[in-house]
Amino acid sequence: MRYNQDRIQANNPNYIANRSALNKLALAYLEKYRYWLWNKGREKEKLSLNILQKRCYDPKAALECIACSLGLV
């Protein structure tokens, strides 16, 4: 479970589909960022997605994650 998906109480199918797509996109960004950090030697072992989510509360880390996922870094 990621992003408290079981706590979402919505009846609109479009909202549910869009929310699910955004969650999958965010997780894909985190996966790519996690591999990039490990591959560049900035982390000795692969971090958990939960740790990366918390790390991205910092705007600088969040921008680095997005830039990495888009191939800009």
N, C-alpha and C. Protein backbone atom coordinates (compact mmCIF):
# COMPACT_ATOMS: atom_id res chain seq x y z
N MET A 1 0.85 -1.18 0.00
CA MET A 1 0.00 0.00 0.00
C MET A 1 0.89 1.24 0.00
N ARG A 2 0.62 2.12 -0.88
CA ARG A 2 1.35 3.38 -0.98
C ARG A 2 0.35 4.51 -1.01
N TYR A 3 0.73 5.63 -0.46
CA TYR A 3 -0.09 6.85 -0.50
C TYR A 3 -1.47 6.65 0.13
N ASN A 4 -1.60 5.77 1.11
CA ASN A 4 -2.87 5.53 1.81
C ASN A 4 -4.02 5.26 0.85
N GLN A 5 -3.79 4.41 -0.14
CA GLN A 5 -4.80 4.14 -1.14
C GLN A 5 -6.05 3.50 -0.55
N ASP A 6 -5.89 2.73 0.51
CA ASP A 6 -7.07 2.10 1.09
C ASP A 6 -7.95 3.09 1.85
N ARG A 7 -7.45 4.29 2.10
CA ARG A 7 -8.23 5.29 2.82
C ARG A 7 -9.00 6.22 1.88
N ILE A 8 -8.79 6.08 0.56
CA ILE A 8 -9.48 6.93 -0.40
C ILE A 8 -10.93 6.45 -0.52
N GLN A 9 -11.84 7.34 -0.24
CA GLN A 9 -13.26 7.02 -0.37
C GLN A 9 -13.84 7.93 -1.44
N ALA A 10 -13.89 7.42 -2.66
CA ALA A 10 -14.39 8.21 -3.77
C ALA A 10 -15.36 7.36 -4.58
N ASN A 11 -16.33 8.02 -5.16
CA ASN A 11 -17.33 7.32 -5.96
C ASN A 11 -17.17 7.60 -7.45
N ASN A 12 -16.43 8.64 -7.79
CA ASN A 12 -16.27 9.03 -9.18
C ASN A 12 -15.19 8.16 -9.84
N PRO A 13 -15.58 7.34 -10.84
CA PRO A 13 -14.59 6.44 -11.45
C PRO A 13 -13.45 7.18 -12.16
N ASN A 14 -13.72 8.36 -12.70
CA ASN A 14 -12.66 9.13 -13.36
C ASN A 14 -11.62 9.60 -12.34
N TYR A 15 -12.10 10.04 -11.19
CA TYR A 15 -11.18 10.47 -10.13
C TYR A 15 -10.31 9.31 -9.68
N ILE A 16 -10.91 8.15 -9.49
CA ILE A 16 -10.18 6.98 -9.02
C ILE A 16 -9.13 6.57 -10.05
N ALA A 17 -9.49 6.56 -11.32
CA ALA A 17 -8.55 6.18 -12.38
C ALA A 17 -7.40 7.18 -12.47
N ASN A 18 -7.71 8.47 -12.41
CA ASN A 18 -6.66 9.49 -12.48
C ASN A 18 -5.74 9.44 -11.28
N ARG A 19 -6.31 9.25 -10.10
CA ARG A 19 -5.51 9.16 -8.88
C ARG A 19 -4.58 7.96 -8.92
N SER A 20 -5.10 6.85 -9.41
CA SER A 20 -4.28 5.65 -9.54
C SER A 20 -3.14 5.86 -10.53
N ALA A 21 -3.43 6.52 -11.65
CA ALA A 21 -2.39 6.78 -12.64
C ALA A 21 -1.31 7.69 -12.07
N LEU A 22 -1.71 8.72 -11.32
CA LEU A 22 -0.72 9.63 -10.72
C LEU A 22 0.13 8.91 -9.68
N ASN A 23 -0.48 8.02 -8.90
CA ASN A 23 0.27 7.25 -7.91
C ASN A 23 1.30 6.35 -8.59
N LYS A 24 0.90 5.71 -9.69
CA LYS A 24 1.83 4.84 -10.42
C LYS A 24 2.98 5.65 -11.02
N LEU A 25 2.68 6.83 -11.51
CA LEU A 25 3.71 7.70 -12.07
C LEU A 25 4.71 8.11 -10.98
N ALA A 26 4.19 8.50 -9.82
CA ALA A 26 5.06 8.90 -8.71
C ALA A 26 5.95 7.74 -8.27
N LEU A 27 5.40 6.53 -8.20
CA LEU A 27 6.20 5.38 -7.80
C LEU A 27 7.26 5.05 -8.86
N ALA A 28 6.93 5.22 -10.12
CA ALA A 28 7.91 4.99 -11.18
C ALA A 28 9.06 6.00 -11.07
N TYR A 29 8.74 7.26 -10.78
CA TYR A 29 9.77 8.28 -10.58
C TYR A 29 10.68 7.90 -9.42
N LEU A 30 10.08 7.45 -8.31
CA LEU A 30 10.88 7.06 -7.15
C LEU A 30 11.77 5.86 -7.44
N GLU A 31 11.24 4.90 -8.20
CA GLU A 31 12.04 3.72 -8.56
C GLU A 31 13.25 4.12 -9.39
N LYS A 32 13.03 4.98 -10.36
CA LYS A 32 14.14 5.42 -11.22
C LYS A 32 15.16 6.24 -10.41
N TYR A 33 14.68 7.08 -9.52
CA TYR A 33 15.56 7.89 -8.67
C TYR A 33 16.37 6.99 -7.74
N ARG A 34 15.72 5.98 -7.18
CA ARG A 34 16.41 5.06 -6.28
C ARG A 34 17.55 4.35 -7.01
N TYR A 35 17.28 3.87 -8.21
CA TYR A 35 18.34 3.20 -8.98
C TYR A 35 19.44 4.18 -9.35
N TRP A 36 19.08 5.40 -9.72
CA TRP A 36 20.07 6.41 -10.09
C TRP A 36 21.00 6.71 -8.91
N LEU A 37 20.43 6.88 -7.72
CA LEU A 37 21.25 7.15 -6.54
C LEU A 37 22.24 6.02 -6.28
N TRP A 38 21.76 4.79 -6.38
CA TRP A 38 22.60 3.63 -6.13
C TRP A 38 23.65 3.48 -7.21
N ASN A 39 23.27 3.69 -8.47
CA ASN A 39 24.18 3.52 -9.59
C ASN A 39 25.29 4.57 -9.59
N LYS A 40 24.98 5.79 -9.17
CA LYS A 40 25.98 6.87 -9.13
C LYS A 40 26.86 6.79 -7.89
N GLY A 41 26.58 5.87 -6.98
CA GLY A 41 27.38 5.71 -5.78
C GLY A 41 27.04 6.69 -4.68
N ARG A 42 25.92 7.37 -4.80
CA ARG A 42 25.53 8.32 -3.76
C ARG A 42 24.91 7.61 -2.56
N GLU A 43 24.45 6.39 -2.76
CA GLU A 43 23.95 5.55 -1.68
C GLU A 43 24.61 4.19 -1.81
N LYS A 44 25.04 3.61 -0.68
CA LYS A 44 25.74 2.34 -0.72
C LYS A 44 24.81 1.17 -1.01
N GLU A 45 23.58 1.27 -0.60
CA GLU A 45 22.59 0.23 -0.89
C GLU A 45 21.30 0.91 -1.32
N LYS A 46 20.47 0.15 -1.99
CA LYS A 46 19.21 0.72 -2.48
C LYS A 46 18.31 1.07 -1.31
N LEU A 47 17.79 2.27 -1.31
CA LEU A 47 16.91 2.74 -0.25
C LEU A 47 15.50 2.23 -0.48
N SER A 48 14.73 2.16 0.59
CA SER A 48 13.33 1.77 0.45
C SER A 48 12.54 2.93 -0.14
N LEU A 49 11.43 2.62 -0.76
CA LEU A 49 10.58 3.67 -1.33
C LEU A 49 10.01 4.57 -0.24
N ASN A 50 9.77 4.01 0.92
CA ASN A 50 9.25 4.79 2.04
C ASN A 50 10.25 5.87 2.46
N ILE A 51 11.51 5.51 2.53
CA ILE A 51 12.56 6.47 2.88
C ILE A 51 12.66 7.55 1.80
N LEU A 52 12.58 7.15 0.54
CA LEU A 52 12.65 8.12 -0.55
C LEU A 52 11.46 9.07 -0.54
N GLN A 53 10.27 8.55 -0.22
CA GLN A 53 9.10 9.42 -0.12
C GLN A 53 9.33 10.50 0.93
N LYS A 54 9.86 10.10 2.07
CA LYS A 54 10.12 11.06 3.14
C LYS A 54 11.23 12.03 2.75
N ARG A 55 12.24 11.54 2.03
CA ARG A 55 13.33 12.41 1.60
C ARG A 55 12.83 13.47 0.62
N CYS A 56 11.83 13.13 -0.18
CA CYS A 56 11.32 14.07 -1.19
C CYS A 56 10.41 15.14 -0.58
N TYR A 57 10.22 15.14 0.73
CA TYR A 57 9.54 16.27 1.37
C TYR A 57 10.38 17.53 1.22
N ASP A 58 11.70 17.34 1.11
CA ASP A 58 12.61 18.45 0.88
C ASP A 58 12.49 18.85 -0.59
N PRO A 59 12.17 20.11 -0.88
CA PRO A 59 11.98 20.52 -2.29
C PRO A 59 13.20 20.26 -3.18
N LYS A 60 14.39 20.42 -2.65
CA LYS A 60 15.59 20.19 -3.45
C LYS A 60 15.69 18.72 -3.86
N ALA A 61 15.42 17.81 -2.93
CA ALA A 61 15.46 16.38 -3.25
C ALA A 61 14.33 16.01 -4.21
N ALA A 62 13.17 16.62 -4.04
CA ALA A 62 12.04 16.34 -4.94
C ALA A 62 12.36 16.77 -6.36
N LEU A 63 12.97 17.94 -6.52
CA LEU A 63 13.35 18.41 -7.85
C LEU A 63 14.42 17.52 -8.47
N GLU A 64 15.35 17.06 -7.65
CA GLU A 64 16.38 16.15 -8.14
C GLU A 64 15.75 14.84 -8.60
N CYS A 65 14.77 14.35 -7.87
CA CYS A 65 14.07 13.13 -8.22
C CYS A 65 13.36 13.29 -9.56
N ILE A 66 12.67 14.40 -9.74
CA ILE A 66 11.95 14.65 -10.99
C ILE A 66 12.92 14.80 -12.15
N ALA A 67 13.99 15.55 -11.93
CA ALA A 67 14.99 15.75 -12.99
C ALA A 67 15.65 14.43 -13.38
N CYS A 68 15.95 13.61 -12.41
CA CYS A 68 16.54 12.32 -12.68
C CYS A 68 15.58 11.44 -13.47
N SER A 69 14.32 11.44 -13.08
CA SER A 69 13.33 10.59 -13.74
C SER A 69 13.07 11.03 -15.17
N LEU A 70 13.24 12.31 -15.45
CA LEU A 70 13.04 12.82 -16.81
C LEU A 70 14.31 12.77 -17.64
N GLY A 71 15.41 12.30 -17.03
CA GLY A 71 16.67 12.16 -17.74
C GLY A 71 17.44 13.46 -17.90
N LEU A 72 17.17 14.42 -17.06
CA LEU A 72 17.84 15.72 -17.14
C LEU A 72 19.13 15.77 -16.35
N VAL A 73 19.36 14.80 -15.48
CA VAL A 73 20.56 14.77 -14.65
C VAL A 73 21.41 13.60 -15.06
